[in-house]
């Protein structure tokens, strides 16, 4: 259950700081790189409203099996 702040109330900064220290933060690697795969970079979409052009990367192993695909960025 979430405590909602009532009008005129102030939050106890120490309690908030303590909560932030105990809360589990997301742990995401910035970059990991060991590639023994084929990386294909391509654009998808027409670049118009409703169908933006997106730069994507797809990864394949050397036997031709698809491994993964990711959107890299939107192309302007």
C-alpha atoms as a PDB file:
ATOM      1  CA  UNK A   1       0.000   0.000   0.000  1.00  0.00           C
ATOM      2  CA  UNK A   2       1.315   3.422  -0.970  1.00  0.00           C
ATOM      3  CA  UNK A   3       1.100   6.297   1.496  1.00  0.00           C
ATOM      4  CA  UNK A   4      -0.169   9.327  -0.346  1.00  0.00           C
ATOM      5  CA  UNK A   5       0.994  12.786   0.669  1.00  0.00           C
ATOM      6  CA  UNK A   6      -1.815  14.852   2.118  1.00  0.00           C
ATOM      7  CA  UNK A   7      -2.135  18.493   1.239  1.00  0.00           C
ATOM      8  CA  UNK A   8       0.168  20.582   3.412  1.00  0.00           C
ATOM      9  CA  UNK A   9       2.236  17.570   4.628  1.00  0.00           C
ATOM     10  CA  UNK A  10       5.962  17.411   4.155  1.00  0.00           C
ATOM     11  CA  UNK A  11       7.997  14.257   3.733  1.00  0.00           C
ATOM     12  CA  UNK A  12      10.677  13.349   6.240  1.00  0.00           C
ATOM     13  CA  UNK A  13      13.849  13.690   4.164  1.00  0.00           C
ATOM     14  CA  UNK A  14      15.790  11.266   6.385  1.00  0.00           C
ATOM     15  CA  UNK A  15      13.095   8.607   5.968  1.00  0.00           C
ATOM     16  CA  UNK A  16      13.151   9.104   2.190  1.00  0.00           C
ATOM     17  CA  UNK A  17      16.954   8.902   2.123  1.00  0.00           C
ATOM     18  CA  UNK A  18      16.865   5.693   4.217  1.00  0.00           C
ATOM     19  CA  UNK A  19      14.254   4.174   1.892  1.00  0.00           C
ATOM     20  CA  UNK A  20      16.361   5.085  -1.158  1.00  0.00           C
ATOM     21  CA  UNK A  21      19.423   3.419   0.388  1.00  0.00           C
ATOM     22  CA  UNK A  22      17.488   0.188   1.062  1.00  0.00           C
ATOM     23  CA  UNK A  23      15.669   0.103  -2.276  1.00  0.00           C
ATOM     24  CA  UNK A  24      17.220  -2.164  -4.860  1.00  0.00           C
ATOM     25  CA  UNK A  25      18.439  -0.185  -7.800  1.00  0.00           C
ATOM     26  CA  UNK A  26      18.329  -1.627 -11.297  1.00  0.00           C
ATOM     27  CA  UNK A  27      21.659  -3.109 -12.309  1.00  0.00           C
ATOM     28  CA  UNK A  28      22.302  -2.899 -16.009  1.00  0.00           C
ATOM     29  CA  UNK A  29      25.638  -3.393 -17.657  1.00  0.00           C
ATOM     30  CA  UNK A  30      26.731  -0.427 -19.715  1.00  0.00           C
ATOM     31  CA  UNK A  31      28.570  -2.589 -22.213  1.00  0.00           C
ATOM     32  CA  UNK A  32      29.630  -6.211 -22.532  1.00  0.00           C
ATOM     33  CA  UNK A  33      31.367  -7.261 -25.697  1.00  0.00           C
ATOM     34  CA  UNK A  34      32.380 -10.780 -26.707  1.00  0.00           C
ATOM     35  CA  UNK A  35      31.047 -11.451 -30.155  1.00  0.00           C
ATOM     36  CA  UNK A  36      31.373 -14.605 -32.158  1.00  0.00           C
ATOM     37  CA  UNK A  37      28.364 -13.888 -34.296  1.00  0.00           C
ATOM     38  CA  UNK A  38      27.313 -12.074 -37.428  1.00  0.00           C
ATOM     39  CA  UNK A  39      25.981  -8.601 -36.695  1.00  0.00           C
ATOM     40  CA  UNK A  40      23.665  -7.089 -39.308  1.00  0.00           C
ATOM     41  CA  UNK A  41      22.692  -3.414 -39.042  1.00  0.00           C
ATOM     42  CA  UNK A  42      19.685  -2.246 -41.042  1.00  0.00           C
ATOM     43  CA  UNK A  43      16.962   0.387 -41.209  1.00  0.00           C
ATOM     44  CA  UNK A  44      13.312  -0.489 -40.766  1.00  0.00           C
ATOM     45  CA  UNK A  45      10.389   1.800 -41.642  1.00  0.00           C
ATOM     46  CA  UNK A  46       9.698   4.519 -44.186  1.00  0.00           C
ATOM     47  CA  UNK A  47      10.565   7.450 -41.922  1.00  0.00           C
ATOM     48  CA  UNK A  48       7.106   8.980 -42.050  1.00  0.00           C
ATOM     49  CA  UNK A  49       4.612   9.753 -39.305  1.00  0.00           C
ATOM     50  CA  UNK A  50       3.195   6.445 -38.106  1.00  0.00           C
ATOM     51  CA  UNK A  51       6.112   4.457 -39.571  1.00  0.00           C
ATOM     52  CA  UNK A  52       9.378   5.901 -38.206  1.00  0.00           C
ATOM     53  CA  UNK A  53      12.734   4.785 -39.557  1.00  0.00           C
ATOM     54  CA  UNK A  54      14.493   2.748 -36.861  1.00  0.00           C
ATOM     55  CA  UNK A  55      18.089   1.576 -36.959  1.00  0.00           C
ATOM     56  CA  UNK A  56      18.217  -2.060 -35.823  1.00  0.00           C
ATOM     57  CA  UNK A  57      20.840  -4.719 -35.242  1.00  0.00           C
ATOM     58  CA  UNK A  58      20.286  -8.444 -35.654  1.00  0.00           C
ATOM     59  CA  UNK A  59      22.668 -11.194 -34.569  1.00  0.00           C
ATOM     60  CA  UNK A  60      23.110 -14.605 -36.196  1.00  0.00           C
ATOM     61  CA  UNK A  61      25.440 -17.488 -35.354  1.00  0.00           C
ATOM     62  CA  UNK A  62      27.708 -19.040 -37.966  1.00  0.00           C
ATOM     63  CA  UNK A  63      25.221 -21.855 -38.624  1.00  0.00           C
ATOM     64  CA  UNK A  64      22.593 -19.328 -39.740  1.00  0.00           C
ATOM     65  CA  UNK A  65      20.512 -19.411 -36.544  1.00  0.00           C
ATOM     66  CA  UNK A  66      18.906 -16.143 -35.460  1.00  0.00           C
ATOM     67  CA  UNK A  67      20.102 -15.068 -31.998  1.00  0.00           C
ATOM     68  CA  UNK A  68      18.678 -11.640 -31.190  1.00  0.00           C
ATOM     69  CA  UNK A  69      17.507  -8.304 -32.511  1.00  0.00           C
ATOM     70  CA  UNK A  70      17.639  -4.863 -30.952  1.00  0.00           C
ATOM     71  CA  UNK A  71      16.568  -1.336 -31.881  1.00  0.00           C
ATOM     72  CA  UNK A  72      19.585   0.926 -31.881  1.00  0.00           C
ATOM     73  CA  UNK A  73      18.039   4.362 -32.514  1.00  0.00           C
ATOM     74  CA  UNK A  74      15.442   6.270 -34.417  1.00  0.00           C
ATOM     75  CA  UNK A  75      16.767   7.822 -37.608  1.00  0.00           C
ATOM     76  CA  UNK A  76      15.761  11.415 -38.323  1.00  0.00           C
END
